[in-house]
N, C-alpha and C. Protein backbone atom coordinates (compact mmCIF):
# COMPACT_ATOMS: atom_id res chain seq x y z
N MET A 1 34.15 -95.33 -168.55
CA MET A 1 33.88 -95.97 -169.80
C MET A 1 33.08 -95.05 -170.72
N ALA A 2 32.20 -94.28 -170.16
CA ALA A 2 31.41 -93.35 -170.97
C ALA A 2 32.32 -92.33 -171.64
N ASP A 3 33.39 -91.92 -170.94
CA ASP A 3 34.35 -90.97 -171.51
C ASP A 3 35.06 -91.57 -172.71
N LEU A 4 35.40 -92.86 -172.63
CA LEU A 4 36.05 -93.53 -173.76
C LEU A 4 35.12 -93.56 -174.96
N ARG A 5 33.89 -93.92 -174.73
CA ARG A 5 32.91 -93.97 -175.83
C ARG A 5 32.71 -92.59 -176.44
N ALA A 6 32.63 -91.58 -175.60
CA ALA A 6 32.44 -90.22 -176.09
C ALA A 6 33.62 -89.78 -176.96
N ASP A 7 34.81 -90.30 -176.69
CA ASP A 7 36.00 -89.97 -177.47
C ASP A 7 36.19 -90.88 -178.68
N GLY A 8 35.25 -91.81 -178.91
CA GLY A 8 35.32 -92.66 -180.09
C GLY A 8 36.01 -93.99 -179.89
N PHE A 9 36.17 -94.41 -178.65
CA PHE A 9 36.82 -95.69 -178.36
C PHE A 9 35.81 -96.73 -177.91
N THR A 10 36.16 -97.98 -178.16
CA THR A 10 35.41 -99.11 -177.64
C THR A 10 36.37 -99.89 -176.74
N LEU A 11 35.93 -100.25 -175.57
CA LEU A 11 36.74 -101.04 -174.65
C LEU A 11 36.35 -102.50 -174.80
N SER A 12 37.34 -103.33 -175.07
CA SER A 12 37.13 -104.77 -175.21
C SER A 12 37.90 -105.48 -174.10
N LEU A 13 37.22 -106.34 -173.36
CA LEU A 13 37.85 -107.09 -172.29
C LEU A 13 37.94 -108.56 -172.66
N ASP A 14 39.13 -109.11 -172.54
CA ASP A 14 39.37 -110.53 -172.81
C ASP A 14 40.07 -111.08 -171.57
N LEU A 15 39.29 -111.34 -170.54
CA LEU A 15 39.83 -111.67 -169.23
C LEU A 15 39.58 -113.13 -168.88
N SER A 16 40.66 -113.88 -168.69
CA SER A 16 40.53 -115.26 -168.22
C SER A 16 40.16 -115.23 -166.75
N ASP A 17 39.52 -116.28 -166.29
CA ASP A 17 39.13 -116.38 -164.88
C ASP A 17 40.33 -116.89 -164.09
N ILE A 18 41.21 -115.95 -163.72
CA ILE A 18 42.47 -116.28 -163.05
C ILE A 18 42.54 -115.49 -161.75
N ALA A 19 42.93 -116.15 -160.69
CA ALA A 19 43.16 -115.48 -159.42
C ALA A 19 44.66 -115.27 -159.25
N VAL A 20 45.06 -114.02 -159.05
CA VAL A 20 46.47 -113.70 -158.84
C VAL A 20 46.60 -112.80 -157.63
N VAL A 21 47.74 -112.86 -156.99
CA VAL A 21 48.01 -112.01 -155.84
C VAL A 21 48.81 -110.81 -156.35
N VAL A 22 48.20 -109.63 -156.30
CA VAL A 22 48.82 -108.41 -156.78
C VAL A 22 48.48 -107.26 -155.84
N ASP A 23 49.17 -106.16 -156.03
CA ASP A 23 48.83 -104.93 -155.33
C ASP A 23 47.76 -104.25 -156.19
N PRO A 24 46.51 -104.27 -155.77
CA PRO A 24 45.44 -103.75 -156.61
C PRO A 24 45.58 -102.26 -156.93
N VAL A 25 46.15 -101.51 -156.03
CA VAL A 25 46.33 -100.08 -156.27
C VAL A 25 47.33 -99.85 -157.39
N ARG A 26 48.43 -100.60 -157.39
CA ARG A 26 49.45 -100.45 -158.42
C ARG A 26 48.96 -100.96 -159.78
N VAL A 27 48.21 -102.05 -159.79
CA VAL A 27 47.68 -102.57 -161.05
C VAL A 27 46.68 -101.58 -161.63
N ARG A 28 45.83 -101.03 -160.79
CA ARG A 28 44.87 -100.00 -161.25
C ARG A 28 45.61 -98.80 -161.82
N GLN A 29 46.65 -98.36 -161.12
CA GLN A 29 47.45 -97.23 -161.56
C GLN A 29 48.07 -97.50 -162.93
N ALA A 30 48.63 -98.69 -163.11
CA ALA A 30 49.25 -99.04 -164.39
C ALA A 30 48.22 -99.11 -165.50
N LEU A 31 47.08 -99.75 -165.24
CA LEU A 31 46.03 -99.85 -166.25
C LEU A 31 45.50 -98.48 -166.65
N LEU A 32 45.26 -97.62 -165.68
CA LEU A 32 44.77 -96.28 -166.00
C LEU A 32 45.79 -95.51 -166.83
N ALA A 33 47.07 -95.65 -166.51
CA ALA A 33 48.11 -94.96 -167.28
C ALA A 33 48.13 -95.46 -168.72
N LEU A 34 48.03 -96.76 -168.92
CA LEU A 34 48.07 -97.33 -170.27
C LEU A 34 46.83 -96.95 -171.09
N VAL A 35 45.67 -97.00 -170.47
CA VAL A 35 44.44 -96.63 -171.18
C VAL A 35 44.43 -95.13 -171.48
N THR A 36 44.88 -94.32 -170.54
CA THR A 36 44.97 -92.88 -170.76
C THR A 36 45.93 -92.57 -171.90
N ASN A 37 47.06 -93.27 -171.93
CA ASN A 37 48.04 -93.08 -173.01
C ASN A 37 47.42 -93.44 -174.36
N ALA A 38 46.72 -94.55 -174.42
CA ALA A 38 46.06 -94.96 -175.66
C ALA A 38 45.03 -93.92 -176.08
N ARG A 39 44.31 -93.41 -175.13
CA ARG A 39 43.27 -92.42 -175.42
C ARG A 39 43.86 -91.12 -175.98
N ARG A 40 45.02 -90.76 -175.49
CA ARG A 40 45.65 -89.50 -175.92
C ARG A 40 46.40 -89.61 -177.24
N TYR A 41 47.04 -90.75 -177.46
CA TYR A 41 48.02 -90.81 -178.54
C TYR A 41 47.74 -91.80 -179.67
N THR A 42 46.58 -92.39 -179.70
CA THR A 42 46.30 -93.34 -180.78
C THR A 42 45.06 -92.93 -181.54
N VAL A 43 44.84 -93.59 -182.65
CA VAL A 43 43.64 -93.34 -183.43
C VAL A 43 42.43 -93.90 -182.69
N ARG A 44 41.29 -93.35 -182.95
CA ARG A 44 40.07 -93.85 -182.31
C ARG A 44 39.80 -95.27 -182.78
N GLY A 45 39.40 -96.11 -181.86
CA GLY A 45 39.14 -97.50 -182.20
C GLY A 45 38.97 -98.33 -180.95
N VAL A 46 39.49 -99.54 -180.98
CA VAL A 46 39.32 -100.49 -179.88
C VAL A 46 40.54 -100.46 -178.97
N ILE A 47 40.30 -100.42 -177.68
CA ILE A 47 41.33 -100.63 -176.67
C ILE A 47 40.98 -101.96 -176.00
N THR A 48 41.90 -102.91 -176.09
CA THR A 48 41.66 -104.24 -175.54
C THR A 48 42.51 -104.47 -174.31
N ILE A 49 41.86 -104.88 -173.23
CA ILE A 49 42.56 -105.28 -172.01
C ILE A 49 42.38 -106.78 -171.88
N SER A 50 43.51 -107.50 -171.77
CA SER A 50 43.41 -108.95 -171.67
C SER A 50 44.24 -109.47 -170.49
N LEU A 51 43.79 -110.59 -169.97
CA LEU A 51 44.47 -111.29 -168.88
C LEU A 51 44.52 -112.76 -169.26
N THR A 52 45.75 -113.27 -169.37
CA THR A 52 45.94 -114.63 -169.84
C THR A 52 47.02 -115.33 -169.03
N ALA A 53 46.86 -116.63 -168.83
CA ALA A 53 47.88 -117.43 -168.16
C ALA A 53 48.70 -118.17 -169.20
N TYR A 54 50.01 -118.13 -169.04
CA TYR A 54 50.95 -118.89 -169.87
C TYR A 54 51.81 -119.71 -168.91
N GLY A 55 51.45 -120.97 -168.74
CA GLY A 55 52.16 -121.79 -167.76
C GLY A 55 51.94 -121.23 -166.37
N ASP A 56 53.03 -120.91 -165.68
CA ASP A 56 52.89 -120.34 -164.34
C ASP A 56 53.08 -118.82 -164.35
N GLU A 57 52.93 -118.19 -165.51
CA GLU A 57 52.97 -116.73 -165.61
C GLU A 57 51.60 -116.20 -166.01
N THR A 58 51.26 -115.04 -165.49
CA THR A 58 50.02 -114.37 -165.85
C THR A 58 50.37 -113.06 -166.54
N VAL A 59 49.75 -112.79 -167.66
CA VAL A 59 50.06 -111.59 -168.44
C VAL A 59 48.82 -110.72 -168.55
N LEU A 60 48.97 -109.48 -168.12
CA LEU A 60 47.93 -108.46 -168.27
C LEU A 60 48.42 -107.51 -169.36
N SER A 61 47.61 -107.31 -170.40
CA SER A 61 48.07 -106.45 -171.49
C SER A 61 46.99 -105.47 -171.91
N VAL A 62 47.46 -104.36 -172.47
CA VAL A 62 46.58 -103.34 -173.03
C VAL A 62 47.06 -103.10 -174.45
N ALA A 63 46.15 -103.20 -175.41
CA ALA A 63 46.49 -103.00 -176.83
C ALA A 63 45.50 -102.02 -177.44
N ASP A 64 45.97 -101.28 -178.44
CA ASP A 64 45.10 -100.35 -179.13
C ASP A 64 45.31 -100.47 -180.64
N ASP A 65 44.61 -99.67 -181.40
CA ASP A 65 44.67 -99.73 -182.85
C ASP A 65 45.72 -98.78 -183.44
N GLY A 66 46.58 -98.24 -182.60
CA GLY A 66 47.58 -97.29 -183.05
C GLY A 66 48.69 -97.92 -183.86
N ALA A 67 49.55 -97.08 -184.40
CA ALA A 67 50.64 -97.53 -185.27
C ALA A 67 51.75 -98.23 -184.50
N GLY A 68 51.82 -98.04 -183.21
CA GLY A 68 52.89 -98.66 -182.43
C GLY A 68 54.12 -97.77 -182.34
N LEU A 69 55.17 -98.34 -181.81
CA LEU A 69 56.41 -97.59 -181.61
C LEU A 69 57.29 -97.65 -182.85
N ALA A 70 58.03 -96.60 -183.07
CA ALA A 70 59.00 -96.59 -184.17
C ALA A 70 60.07 -97.65 -183.89
N PRO A 71 60.60 -98.28 -184.94
CA PRO A 71 61.59 -99.36 -184.76
C PRO A 71 62.79 -98.97 -183.89
N ASP A 72 63.28 -97.74 -184.01
CA ASP A 72 64.45 -97.33 -183.22
C ASP A 72 64.12 -97.17 -181.74
N VAL A 73 62.86 -96.97 -181.41
CA VAL A 73 62.45 -96.80 -180.02
C VAL A 73 62.14 -98.15 -179.37
N ARG A 74 61.61 -99.09 -180.14
CA ARG A 74 61.19 -100.39 -179.61
C ARG A 74 62.29 -101.11 -178.83
N THR A 75 63.51 -101.01 -179.30
CA THR A 75 64.59 -101.77 -178.67
C THR A 75 65.03 -101.17 -177.35
N ARG A 76 64.68 -99.92 -177.08
CA ARG A 76 65.16 -99.32 -175.83
C ARG A 76 64.08 -98.71 -174.94
N ILE A 77 62.81 -98.94 -175.28
CA ILE A 77 61.71 -98.33 -174.56
C ILE A 77 61.67 -98.69 -173.07
N PHE A 78 62.07 -99.91 -172.74
CA PHE A 78 61.96 -100.34 -171.34
C PHE A 78 63.28 -100.23 -170.57
N GLU A 79 64.32 -99.70 -171.19
CA GLU A 79 65.62 -99.57 -170.51
C GLU A 79 65.54 -98.85 -169.16
N PRO A 80 64.75 -97.77 -169.03
CA PRO A 80 64.69 -97.12 -167.72
C PRO A 80 64.17 -98.00 -166.59
N PHE A 81 63.49 -99.08 -166.94
CA PHE A 81 62.88 -99.94 -165.92
C PHE A 81 63.73 -101.15 -165.58
N MET A 82 64.88 -101.28 -166.21
CA MET A 82 65.73 -102.46 -165.97
C MET A 82 66.67 -102.22 -164.82
């Protein structure tokens, strides 16, 4: 966290009190990849990690203050994972 602050970022956590069964190593790996990506490729600002329940689904998200993806990329960004 000190590294994020030194680089001009603020980490904001919006975590609901939810118990989920996950592989903690894989979740940590994914979170670190997303935060590292935000740190490298976005403007300095807030990185928000949130955990929310929607019905019987739980959503973990990472958001930053960056411009986001170009419209032509948005529609196919997750194709390799399908």
